[in-house]
Amino acid sequence: MKKAILTFVMSLSIVTMAYAVDYTITLTAEQDKAMGVLSVTAQAWIQHAAENKANKMINRLVDPLSDKKISKMTAAEKKVILDGIDIAAERIKRHGR
């Protein structure tokens, strides 16, 4: 079965700190074709889904640690809180691994 390889870059820029993470996702030709129903390109759909999920998780991590309403916080304020979170410990707390 022929596979179509789809690569996308997810970039996150907050104030002066910017970094990019590359992910490679492999879809079969059939999967790639089916994704075309959801969006113009599978890459656009996957990019949107990854960014949306990441932003939701940022809010879930930051909200309990802030005195300010999450919708009123700036990206810089969220970043300060995120920088203080031990991500590995959060993963273990939430998923047990």
N, C-alpha and C. Protein backbone atom coordinates (compact mmCIF):
# COMPACT_ATOMS: atom_id res chain seq x y z
N MET A 1 0.85 -1.17 0.00
CA MET A 1 0.00 0.00 0.00
C MET A 1 0.90 1.24 0.00
N LYS A 2 0.68 2.13 -0.93
CA LYS A 2 1.46 3.36 -1.03
C LYS A 2 1.07 4.31 0.10
N LYS A 3 2.08 4.94 0.71
CA LYS A 3 1.80 5.88 1.78
C LYS A 3 2.17 7.29 1.35
N ALA A 4 1.33 8.22 1.68
CA ALA A 4 1.63 9.64 1.45
C ALA A 4 2.21 10.17 2.75
N ILE A 5 3.33 10.83 2.67
CA ILE A 5 3.94 11.37 3.87
C ILE A 5 3.58 12.85 3.97
N LEU A 6 3.08 13.21 5.11
CA LEU A 6 2.61 14.56 5.37
C LEU A 6 3.44 15.13 6.50
N THR A 7 4.06 16.25 6.29
CA THR A 7 4.88 16.88 7.31
C THR A 7 4.36 18.28 7.57
N PHE A 8 4.31 18.67 8.83
CA PHE A 8 3.93 20.04 9.14
C PHE A 8 4.76 20.55 10.29
N VAL A 9 4.86 21.84 10.40
CA VAL A 9 5.61 22.48 11.48
C VAL A 9 4.61 23.24 12.33
N MET A 10 4.67 23.00 13.64
CA MET A 10 3.82 23.73 14.56
C MET A 10 4.71 24.75 15.26
N SER A 11 4.41 26.01 15.11
CA SER A 11 5.23 27.06 15.71
C SER A 11 4.45 27.77 16.80
N LEU A 12 5.14 28.09 17.85
CA LEU A 12 4.53 28.81 18.96
C LEU A 12 5.44 29.99 19.28
N SER A 13 4.91 31.17 19.23
CA SER A 13 5.69 32.37 19.54
C SER A 13 4.99 33.10 20.67
N ILE A 14 5.71 33.31 21.76
CA ILE A 14 5.15 34.06 22.88
C ILE A 14 6.17 35.12 23.26
N VAL A 15 5.77 36.36 23.17
CA VAL A 15 6.59 37.52 23.48
C VAL A 15 7.96 37.38 22.82
N THR A 16 9.05 37.25 23.60
CA THR A 16 10.37 37.19 23.00
C THR A 16 10.86 35.76 22.80
N MET A 17 10.15 34.80 23.35
CA MET A 17 10.57 33.42 23.21
C MET A 17 9.81 32.78 22.05
N ALA A 18 10.55 32.22 21.11
CA ALA A 18 9.90 31.54 19.98
C ALA A 18 10.63 30.23 19.73
N TYR A 19 9.87 29.20 19.46
CA TYR A 19 10.48 27.93 19.10
C TYR A 19 9.52 27.18 18.19
N ALA A 20 10.06 26.23 17.47
CA ALA A 20 9.24 25.44 16.56
C ALA A 20 9.50 23.97 16.83
N VAL A 21 8.47 23.18 16.69
CA VAL A 21 8.57 21.74 16.85
C VAL A 21 8.10 21.11 15.56
N ASP A 22 8.89 20.21 15.00
CA ASP A 22 8.51 19.52 13.76
C ASP A 22 7.94 18.15 14.10
N TYR A 23 6.81 17.81 13.49
CA TYR A 23 6.21 16.49 13.61
C TYR A 23 6.02 15.93 12.21
N THR A 24 6.26 14.67 12.04
CA THR A 24 6.00 14.01 10.77
C THR A 24 4.90 12.99 10.99
N ILE A 25 3.88 13.06 10.17
CA ILE A 25 2.75 12.15 10.27
C ILE A 25 2.64 11.40 8.95
N THR A 26 2.48 10.11 9.03
CA THR A 26 2.36 9.30 7.82
C THR A 26 0.92 8.84 7.65
N LEU A 27 0.36 9.14 6.49
CA LEU A 27 -1.00 8.72 6.16
C LEU A 27 -0.94 7.85 4.91
N THR A 28 -1.85 6.91 4.83
CA THR A 28 -1.97 6.16 3.58
C THR A 28 -2.58 7.09 2.54
N ALA A 29 -2.49 6.74 1.29
CA ALA A 29 -3.09 7.54 0.23
C ALA A 29 -4.59 7.69 0.46
N GLU A 30 -5.22 6.61 0.94
CA GLU A 30 -6.66 6.64 1.20
C GLU A 30 -6.99 7.59 2.35
N GLN A 31 -6.18 7.56 3.40
CA GLN A 31 -6.40 8.46 4.54
C GLN A 31 -6.23 9.92 4.11
N ASP A 32 -5.19 10.17 3.31
CA ASP A 32 -4.94 11.52 2.83
C ASP A 32 -6.12 12.02 1.99
N LYS A 33 -6.64 11.16 1.14
CA LYS A 33 -7.79 11.51 0.30
C LYS A 33 -9.01 11.80 1.17
N ALA A 34 -9.25 10.97 2.17
CA ALA A 34 -10.40 11.16 3.07
C ALA A 34 -10.26 12.47 3.86
N MET A 35 -9.05 12.83 4.26
CA MET A 35 -8.84 14.08 5.00
C MET A 35 -9.20 15.28 4.14
N GLY A 36 -9.12 15.13 2.81
CA GLY A 36 -9.48 16.21 1.92
C GLY A 36 -10.94 16.63 2.05
N VAL A 37 -11.77 15.76 2.59
CA VAL A 37 -13.17 16.09 2.82
C VAL A 37 -13.30 17.09 3.98
N LEU A 38 -12.40 16.97 4.95
CA LEU A 38 -12.46 17.82 6.14
C LEU A 38 -11.90 19.21 5.90
N SER A 39 -10.94 19.34 5.01
CA SER A 39 -10.24 20.59 4.81
C SER A 39 -9.66 20.61 3.41
N VAL A 40 -9.16 21.74 3.01
CA VAL A 40 -8.51 21.84 1.71
C VAL A 40 -7.33 20.88 1.65
N THR A 41 -6.57 20.83 2.75
CA THR A 41 -5.45 19.88 2.83
C THR A 41 -5.46 19.21 4.19
N ALA A 42 -4.92 18.00 4.24
CA ALA A 42 -4.80 17.31 5.52
C ALA A 42 -3.88 18.10 6.44
N GLN A 43 -2.83 18.69 5.87
CA GLN A 43 -1.89 19.47 6.68
C GLN A 43 -2.58 20.63 7.38
N ALA A 44 -3.46 21.34 6.67
CA ALA A 44 -4.19 22.47 7.27
C ALA A 44 -5.06 21.99 8.42
N TRP A 45 -5.74 20.86 8.24
CA TRP A 45 -6.60 20.33 9.28
C TRP A 45 -5.79 19.91 10.50
N ILE A 46 -4.70 19.19 10.26
CA ILE A 46 -3.86 18.71 11.36
C ILE A 46 -3.23 19.90 12.09
N GLN A 47 -2.76 20.90 11.36
CA GLN A 47 -2.18 22.10 11.97
C GLN A 47 -3.20 22.76 12.89
N HIS A 48 -4.41 22.95 12.40
CA HIS A 48 -5.47 23.58 13.19
C HIS A 48 -5.80 22.74 14.43
N ALA A 49 -5.93 21.43 14.25
CA ALA A 49 -6.28 20.55 15.38
C ALA A 49 -5.19 20.57 16.45
N ALA A 50 -3.93 20.51 16.03
CA ALA A 50 -2.83 20.52 17.00
C ALA A 50 -2.75 21.84 17.76
N GLU A 51 -2.89 22.95 17.05
CA GLU A 51 -2.85 24.25 17.70
C GLU A 51 -4.02 24.42 18.66
N ASN A 52 -5.21 24.01 18.25
CA ASN A 52 -6.40 24.12 19.09
C ASN A 52 -6.24 23.30 20.38
N LYS A 53 -5.78 22.05 20.24
CA LYS A 53 -5.60 21.18 21.41
C LYS A 53 -4.52 21.75 22.34
N ALA A 54 -3.43 22.25 21.77
CA ALA A 54 -2.35 22.83 22.58
C ALA A 54 -2.85 24.06 23.35
N ASN A 55 -3.62 24.92 22.70
CA ASN A 55 -4.14 26.11 23.38
C ASN A 55 -5.11 25.74 24.50
N LYS A 56 -5.94 24.73 24.27
CA LYS A 56 -6.85 24.27 25.32
C LYS A 56 -6.06 23.74 26.52
N MET A 57 -4.99 23.00 26.26
CA MET A 57 -4.19 22.44 27.35
C MET A 57 -3.46 23.55 28.10
N ILE A 58 -2.98 24.55 27.39
CA ILE A 58 -2.36 25.70 28.06
C ILE A 58 -3.35 26.30 29.05
N ASN A 59 -4.58 26.52 28.61
CA ASN A 59 -5.60 27.10 29.49
C ASN A 59 -5.92 26.19 30.67
N ARG A 60 -5.97 24.88 30.45
CA ARG A 60 -6.25 23.94 31.55
C ARG A 60 -5.13 23.93 32.58
N LEU A 61 -3.90 24.11 32.12
CA LEU A 61 -2.77 24.12 33.05
C LEU A 61 -2.66 25.44 33.80
N VAL A 62 -2.92 26.54 33.11
CA VAL A 62 -2.74 27.87 33.68
C VAL A 62 -3.89 28.28 34.59
N ASP A 63 -5.12 27.98 34.22
CA ASP A 63 -6.30 28.47 34.94
C ASP A 63 -6.27 28.23 36.45
N PRO A 64 -5.99 27.00 36.90
CA PRO A 64 -6.03 26.79 38.36
C PRO A 64 -4.92 27.52 39.11
N LEU A 65 -3.89 27.96 38.41
CA LEU A 65 -2.75 28.60 39.07
C LEU A 65 -2.79 30.11 39.00
N SER A 66 -3.86 30.67 38.45
CA SER A 66 -3.95 32.11 38.26
C SER A 66 -5.09 32.70 39.06
N ASP A 67 -4.86 33.92 39.54
CA ASP A 67 -5.91 34.66 40.22
C ASP A 67 -6.77 35.42 39.21
N LYS A 68 -6.28 35.53 38.00
CA LYS A 68 -6.94 36.29 36.95
C LYS A 68 -7.77 35.37 36.06
N LYS A 69 -8.88 35.86 35.56
CA LYS A 69 -9.72 35.08 34.65
C LYS A 69 -8.92 34.75 33.38
N ILE A 70 -8.96 33.50 32.95
CA ILE A 70 -8.15 33.02 31.83
C ILE A 70 -8.38 33.84 30.56
N SER A 71 -9.60 34.26 30.31
CA SER A 71 -9.90 35.03 29.10
C SER A 71 -9.30 36.43 29.13
N LYS A 72 -8.92 36.90 30.32
CA LYS A 72 -8.35 38.24 30.46
C LYS A 72 -6.82 38.22 30.50
N MET A 73 -6.22 37.03 30.47
CA MET A 73 -4.77 36.92 30.57
C MET A 73 -4.10 37.14 29.22
N THR A 74 -2.93 37.76 29.24
CA THR A 74 -2.14 37.92 28.02
C THR A 74 -1.30 36.66 27.83
N ALA A 75 -0.76 36.51 26.62
CA ALA A 75 0.13 35.37 26.35
C ALA A 75 1.35 35.42 27.26
N ALA A 76 1.84 36.61 27.55
CA ALA A 76 3.01 36.75 28.43
C ALA A 76 2.69 36.27 29.85
N GLU A 77 1.50 36.58 30.34
CA GLU A 77 1.10 36.13 31.68
C GLU A 77 0.97 34.61 31.71
N LYS A 78 0.40 34.03 30.67
CA LYS A 78 0.28 32.57 30.60
C LYS A 78 1.66 31.93 30.55
N LYS A 79 2.57 32.54 29.80
CA LYS A 79 3.92 32.00 29.66
C LYS A 79 4.64 31.95 31.00
N VAL A 80 4.50 32.99 31.80
CA VAL A 80 5.14 33.03 33.12
C VAL A 80 4.68 31.84 33.97
N ILE A 81 3.39 31.57 33.95
CA ILE A 81 2.85 30.44 34.72
C ILE A 81 3.31 29.12 34.13
N LEU A 82 3.24 28.99 32.80
CA LEU A 82 3.66 27.75 32.15
C LEU A 82 5.12 27.43 32.42
N ASP A 83 5.97 28.46 32.45
CA ASP A 83 7.40 28.24 32.70
C ASP A 83 7.65 27.63 34.07
N GLY A 84 6.73 27.82 35.00
CA GLY A 84 6.89 27.27 36.34
C GLY A 84 6.30 25.89 36.54
N ILE A 85 5.71 25.32 35.51
CA ILE A 85 5.05 24.02 35.62
C ILE A 85 6.01 22.91 35.21
N ASP A 86 6.07 21.86 36.00
CA ASP A 86 6.85 20.66 35.67
C ASP A 86 5.96 19.78 34.80
N ILE A 87 6.20 19.82 33.49
CA ILE A 87 5.34 19.13 32.53
C ILE A 87 5.36 17.62 32.75
N ALA A 88 6.53 17.05 33.04
CA ALA A 88 6.62 15.60 33.27
C ALA A 88 5.77 15.20 34.47
N ALA A 89 5.81 15.99 35.54
CA ALA A 89 5.01 15.69 36.73
C ALA A 89 3.52 15.82 36.42
N GLU A 90 3.14 16.81 35.62
CA GLU A 90 1.74 16.97 35.23
C GLU A 90 1.26 15.76 34.42
N ARG A 91 2.11 15.27 33.51
CA ARG A 91 1.74 14.11 32.70
C ARG A 91 1.49 12.90 33.58
N ILE A 92 2.39 12.68 34.56
CA ILE A 92 2.24 11.54 35.47
C ILE A 92 0.96 11.71 36.31
N LYS A 93 0.71 12.92 36.79
CA LYS A 93 -0.47 13.19 37.59
C LYS A 93 -1.75 12.91 36.81
N ARG A 94 -1.76 13.27 35.55
CA ARG A 94 -2.96 13.14 34.72
C ARG A 94 -3.10 11.76 34.10
N HIS A 95 -1.98 11.11 33.78
CA HIS A 95 -2.05 9.86 33.02
C HIS A 95 -1.37 8.67 33.71
N GLY A 96 -0.72 8.93 34.81
CA GLY A 96 -0.05 7.83 35.54
C GLY A 96 1.17 7.29 34.85
N ARG A 97 1.70 8.03 33.87
CA ARG A 97 2.96 7.60 33.22
C ARG A 97 3.74 8.77 32.70
